[in-house]
């Protein structure tokens, strides 16, 4: 794989479980990839093109994961910090509907809410647009050295994020039978690489907890369960990422 969008190759659309949300609902690779295509089309409709930034609520949920994958497929880096996205004039800011009232987009920024219909007519209802979209991936020229994540002080390229994920796959023995549990939010690119990109790259399963267990487990951000050994899964290796 050269870019994160390669995770969404049509040939990977199987009935194997790709993702489990905090409420226990499972999505297959067919479901996840098809809906990531739809997410890309929603973002493109809202003006997102290669190089534009999409600010996303960092809690690991189905819709925040779809927004990341859709943006990556378009060549648009994700910033898991809506407040910073508004401050910096990002093209789209995606928040939970409960946060809509407290979120004031800057001119030129499209505010999008998920989790229910928004109160303001100018706010885009994410699910409504997503479920009605075309399930075809729009073409976009994306290269390995293009940014896929933006943080406060750095950019992470597709190459760096995939290399970090590959190191986790190798060091932690992740394969198609592995469930990787993400217990922290998506704002740390290392957790994104280990908890989302690594399992998806080998046909494994991502389990999202919405950060519900992060406090009780301290700094245990990502765990790996290969169905072997003691009931308590072991901690995944948080990878290094190239400096940019």
Protein backbone atom coordinates (compact mmCIF):
# COMPACT_ATOMS: atom_id res chain seq x y z
CA UNK A 1 0.00 0.00 0.00
CA UNK A 2 1.29 3.43 -0.97
CA UNK A 3 -1.44 5.69 0.42
CA UNK A 4 -4.16 5.31 3.05
CA UNK A 5 -6.80 5.30 0.32
CA UNK A 6 -5.45 1.89 -0.76
CA UNK A 7 -7.24 0.49 2.31
CA UNK A 8 -10.45 1.20 0.36
CA UNK A 9 -9.63 -0.86 -2.72
CA UNK A 10 -12.78 -2.44 -4.15
CA UNK A 11 -11.16 -5.86 -4.10
CA UNK A 12 -11.03 -5.67 -0.29
CA UNK A 13 -14.81 -5.44 0.10
CA UNK A 14 -15.48 -8.73 1.88
CA UNK A 15 -18.03 -9.89 4.44
CA UNK A 16 -15.34 -10.17 7.11
CA UNK A 17 -15.76 -7.87 10.11
CA UNK A 18 -13.77 -4.67 9.71
CA UNK A 19 -15.03 -2.56 12.60
CA UNK A 20 -16.99 -2.89 15.82
CA UNK A 21 -18.46 0.22 17.42
CA UNK A 22 -18.82 0.86 21.15
CA UNK A 23 -22.41 -0.40 21.10
CA UNK A 24 -21.26 -3.77 19.74
CA UNK A 25 -22.49 -3.28 16.17
CA UNK A 26 -20.30 -4.84 13.49
CA UNK A 27 -19.50 -3.47 10.04
CA UNK A 28 -18.02 -5.64 7.32
CA UNK A 29 -15.25 -4.56 4.99
CA UNK A 30 -17.93 -4.17 2.32
CA UNK A 31 -19.92 -1.84 4.60
CA UNK A 32 -16.92 0.19 5.75
CA UNK A 33 -15.38 0.69 2.32
CA UNK A 34 -18.69 1.48 0.62
CA UNK A 35 -19.56 4.05 3.29
CA UNK A 36 -16.06 5.55 3.15
CA UNK A 37 -16.70 6.14 -0.56
CA UNK A 38 -19.94 7.89 0.37
CA UNK A 39 -18.12 9.96 2.99
CA UNK A 40 -15.60 11.08 0.35
CA UNK A 41 -18.44 12.18 -1.91
CA UNK A 42 -20.12 14.15 0.89
CA UNK A 43 -16.84 15.91 1.63
CA UNK A 44 -16.24 16.62 -2.05
CA UNK A 45 -19.75 18.10 -2.31
CA UNK A 46 -18.81 20.39 0.61
CA UNK A 47 -15.78 21.66 -1.28
CA UNK A 48 -13.04 19.35 -0.07
CA UNK A 49 -10.30 18.78 -2.63
CA UNK A 50 -6.72 17.56 -2.49
CA UNK A 51 -4.81 19.57 0.12
CA UNK A 52 -7.91 20.97 1.87
CA UNK A 53 -8.17 20.06 5.56
CA UNK A 54 -11.08 18.33 7.27
CA UNK A 55 -11.31 18.93 11.03
CA UNK A 56 -12.90 15.93 12.77
CA UNK A 57 -14.19 15.28 16.29
CA UNK A 58 -11.44 13.04 17.76
CA UNK A 59 -13.64 10.50 19.56
CA UNK A 60 -13.28 7.16 17.72
CA UNK A 61 -16.75 6.51 16.35
CA UNK A 62 -18.07 5.10 13.09
CA UNK A 63 -18.66 8.50 11.53
CA UNK A 64 -15.35 10.03 12.59
CA UNK A 65 -13.56 6.97 11.17
CA UNK A 66 -15.50 7.25 7.91
CA UNK A 67 -14.66 10.95 7.69
CA UNK A 68 -10.95 10.20 8.10
CA UNK A 69 -10.99 7.44 5.47
CA UNK A 70 -13.06 9.51 3.04
CA UNK A 71 -10.81 12.54 3.44
CA UNK A 72 -7.69 10.40 2.98
CA UNK A 73 -9.11 9.01 -0.24
CA UNK A 74 -9.55 12.56 -1.54
CA UNK A 75 -6.03 13.60 -0.57
CA UNK A 76 -7.37 15.84 2.18
CA UNK A 77 -5.58 15.63 5.53
CA UNK A 78 -7.62 15.24 8.71
CA UNK A 79 -7.16 17.42 11.78
CA UNK A 80 -8.64 15.79 14.88
CA UNK A 81 -9.28 19.13 16.57
CA UNK A 82 -12.46 21.01 15.51
CA UNK A 83 -11.57 24.15 17.48
CA UNK A 84 -8.21 24.41 15.74
CA UNK A 85 -9.93 23.68 12.44
CA UNK A 86 -12.22 26.67 12.89
CA UNK A 87 -9.33 28.88 13.95
CA UNK A 88 -7.32 27.90 10.87
CA UNK A 89 -10.19 28.07 8.42
CA UNK A 90 -10.39 24.39 7.50
CA UNK A 91 -12.82 23.59 4.69
CA UNK A 92 -15.04 21.26 6.75
CA UNK A 93 -15.47 20.84 10.50
CA UNK A 94 -17.28 17.69 11.67
CA UNK A 95 -18.67 17.63 15.22
CA UNK A 96 -21.19 15.64 17.24
CA UNK A 97 -24.65 17.23 17.06
CA UNK A 98 -24.50 17.91 20.81
CA UNK A 99 -21.60 20.30 20.12
CA UNK A 100 -23.25 22.14 17.23
CA UNK A 101 -24.63 25.00 19.33
CA UNK A 102 -21.20 25.75 20.79
CA UNK A 103 -19.43 25.59 17.44
CA UNK A 104 -19.28 28.73 15.29
CA UNK A 105 -17.65 28.10 11.93
CA UNK A 106 -15.48 30.74 10.31
CA UNK A 107 -16.46 32.17 6.91
CA UNK A 108 -15.67 29.60 4.24
CA UNK A 109 -15.89 26.67 6.65
CA UNK A 110 -18.73 24.18 6.33
CA UNK A 111 -20.00 22.89 9.68
CA UNK A 112 -21.21 19.28 9.63
CA UNK A 113 -22.91 17.46 12.54
CA UNK A 114 -23.38 13.75 13.11
CA UNK A 115 -25.48 11.88 15.65
CA UNK A 116 -28.83 13.39 14.71
CA UNK A 117 -30.33 16.30 12.80
CA UNK A 118 -28.69 19.67 13.54
CA UNK A 119 -30.67 22.66 14.82
CA UNK A 120 -29.33 25.24 12.38
CA UNK A 121 -30.38 24.95 8.73
CA UNK A 122 -26.92 25.94 7.51
CA UNK A 123 -25.31 22.98 9.30
CA UNK A 124 -25.03 19.87 7.15
CA UNK A 125 -26.61 16.72 8.57
CA UNK A 126 -23.84 14.14 8.05
CA UNK A 127 -25.90 10.95 8.17
CA UNK A 128 -28.62 12.31 5.92
CA UNK A 129 -26.09 13.21 3.24
CA UNK A 130 -24.00 10.07 3.76
CA UNK A 131 -26.76 7.51 3.35
CA UNK A 132 -28.07 9.20 0.18
CA UNK A 133 -24.67 9.55 -1.51
CA UNK A 134 -23.21 7.71 -4.49
CA UNK A 135 -21.12 4.73 -3.26
CA UNK A 136 -18.39 5.30 -5.84
CA UNK A 137 -14.96 6.64 -4.91
CA UNK A 138 -14.15 9.89 -6.72
CA UNK A 139 -10.72 9.89 -8.38
CA UNK A 140 -8.03 11.99 -6.74
CA UNK A 141 -4.27 12.25 -7.28
CA UNK A 142 -2.75 11.38 -3.90
CA UNK A 143 0.93 10.62 -3.32
CA UNK A 144 2.78 8.89 -0.46
CA UNK A 145 4.44 12.13 0.61
CA UNK A 146 1.20 14.10 0.81
CA UNK A 147 -0.08 14.85 4.33
CA UNK A 148 -2.85 12.62 5.69
CA UNK A 149 -3.02 14.02 9.25
CA UNK A 150 -2.32 17.50 10.58
CA UNK A 151 -1.65 18.13 14.27
CA UNK A 152 -0.81 21.28 16.21
CA UNK A 153 2.85 21.17 15.24
CA UNK A 154 3.35 18.71 12.43
CA UNK A 155 2.12 16.95 9.32
CA UNK A 156 2.07 13.17 8.99
CA UNK A 157 2.31 11.82 5.46
CA UNK A 158 0.59 8.77 4.00
CA UNK A 159 4.01 7.12 3.84
CA UNK A 160 4.73 7.77 7.52
CA UNK A 161 1.32 6.62 8.75
CA UNK A 162 1.43 3.40 6.71
CA UNK A 163 5.02 2.69 7.78
CA UNK A 164 4.02 3.14 11.42
CA UNK A 165 1.07 0.79 10.92
CA UNK A 166 3.31 -1.78 9.23
CA UNK A 167 5.70 -1.71 12.18
CA UNK A 168 2.81 -2.48 14.55
CA UNK A 169 1.62 -5.33 12.33
CA UNK A 170 5.09 -6.86 12.44
CA UNK A 171 5.94 -6.25 16.10
CA UNK A 172 2.56 -7.29 17.49
CA UNK A 173 1.73 -10.12 15.13
CA UNK A 174 -1.45 -8.55 13.81
CA UNK A 175 -3.24 -10.52 11.09
CA UNK A 176 -6.73 -11.10 9.71
CA UNK A 177 -7.81 -12.88 12.91
CA UNK A 178 -6.74 -10.03 15.20
CA UNK A 179 -9.04 -7.61 17.01
CA UNK A 180 -7.32 -4.33 17.88
CA UNK A 181 -9.07 -2.29 20.55
CA UNK A 182 -8.57 1.47 20.40
CA UNK A 183 -9.03 2.90 23.90
CA UNK A 184 -8.01 6.51 23.31
CA UNK A 185 -9.02 9.18 20.84
CA UNK A 186 -7.77 9.79 17.32
CA UNK A 187 -5.78 12.93 18.05
CA UNK A 188 -2.53 10.95 18.50
CA UNK A 189 -1.40 9.81 15.02
CA UNK A 190 0.39 6.85 16.64
CA UNK A 191 -2.89 5.56 18.07
CA UNK A 192 -4.54 6.12 14.67
CA UNK A 193 -1.79 4.08 13.00
CA UNK A 194 -1.86 1.27 15.56
CA UNK A 195 -5.57 1.18 16.31
CA UNK A 196 -7.15 1.77 12.90
CA UNK A 197 -4.73 1.60 9.98
CA UNK A 198 -2.73 -1.43 11.16
CA UNK A 199 -5.65 -3.86 11.54
CA UNK A 200 -7.41 -2.63 8.40
CA UNK A 201 -4.22 -3.07 6.36
CA UNK A 202 -4.17 -6.85 7.02
CA UNK A 203 -7.88 -7.57 7.10
CA UNK A 204 -8.18 -7.51 10.90
CA UNK A 205 -10.87 -5.90 13.04
CA UNK A 206 -10.90 -2.43 14.61
CA UNK A 207 -12.81 -2.20 17.90
CA UNK A 208 -13.80 1.33 18.93
CA UNK A 209 -14.50 2.08 22.59
CA UNK A 210 -15.08 5.85 22.15
CA UNK A 211 -12.40 6.32 24.79
CA UNK A 212 -14.68 4.91 27.48
CA UNK A 213 -11.93 2.80 29.05
CA UNK A 214 -9.00 5.16 28.67
CA UNK A 215 -9.13 6.63 32.18
CA UNK A 216 -9.36 3.31 33.99
CA UNK A 217 -6.51 1.90 31.94
CA UNK A 218 -4.19 4.86 32.24
CA UNK A 219 -1.96 5.15 29.19
CA UNK A 220 -3.14 1.87 27.67
CA UNK A 221 -4.22 3.29 24.31
CA UNK A 222 -4.31 0.26 22.02
CA UNK A 223 -4.58 -3.42 22.83
CA UNK A 224 -4.30 -6.49 20.64
CA UNK A 225 -6.33 -9.66 21.03
CA UNK A 226 -5.24 -12.58 18.86
CA UNK A 227 -7.58 -14.97 20.62
CA UNK A 228 -4.68 -16.55 22.47
CA UNK A 229 -3.19 -16.38 25.94
CA UNK A 230 -4.74 -14.72 29.01
CA UNK A 231 -8.11 -12.95 28.84
CA UNK A 232 -6.49 -9.54 29.23
CA UNK A 233 -5.23 -8.45 25.78
CA UNK A 234 -1.69 -7.20 25.57
CA UNK A 235 -0.72 -3.66 24.84
CA UNK A 236 0.18 -2.82 21.26
CA UNK A 237 3.41 -1.09 20.41
CA UNK A 238 2.80 2.59 19.72
CA UNK A 239 4.94 3.24 16.65
CA UNK A 240 7.39 6.00 15.92
CA UNK A 241 6.45 8.41 13.17
CA UNK A 242 8.84 10.22 10.88
CA UNK A 243 9.42 13.88 11.74
CA UNK A 244 8.10 16.44 9.30
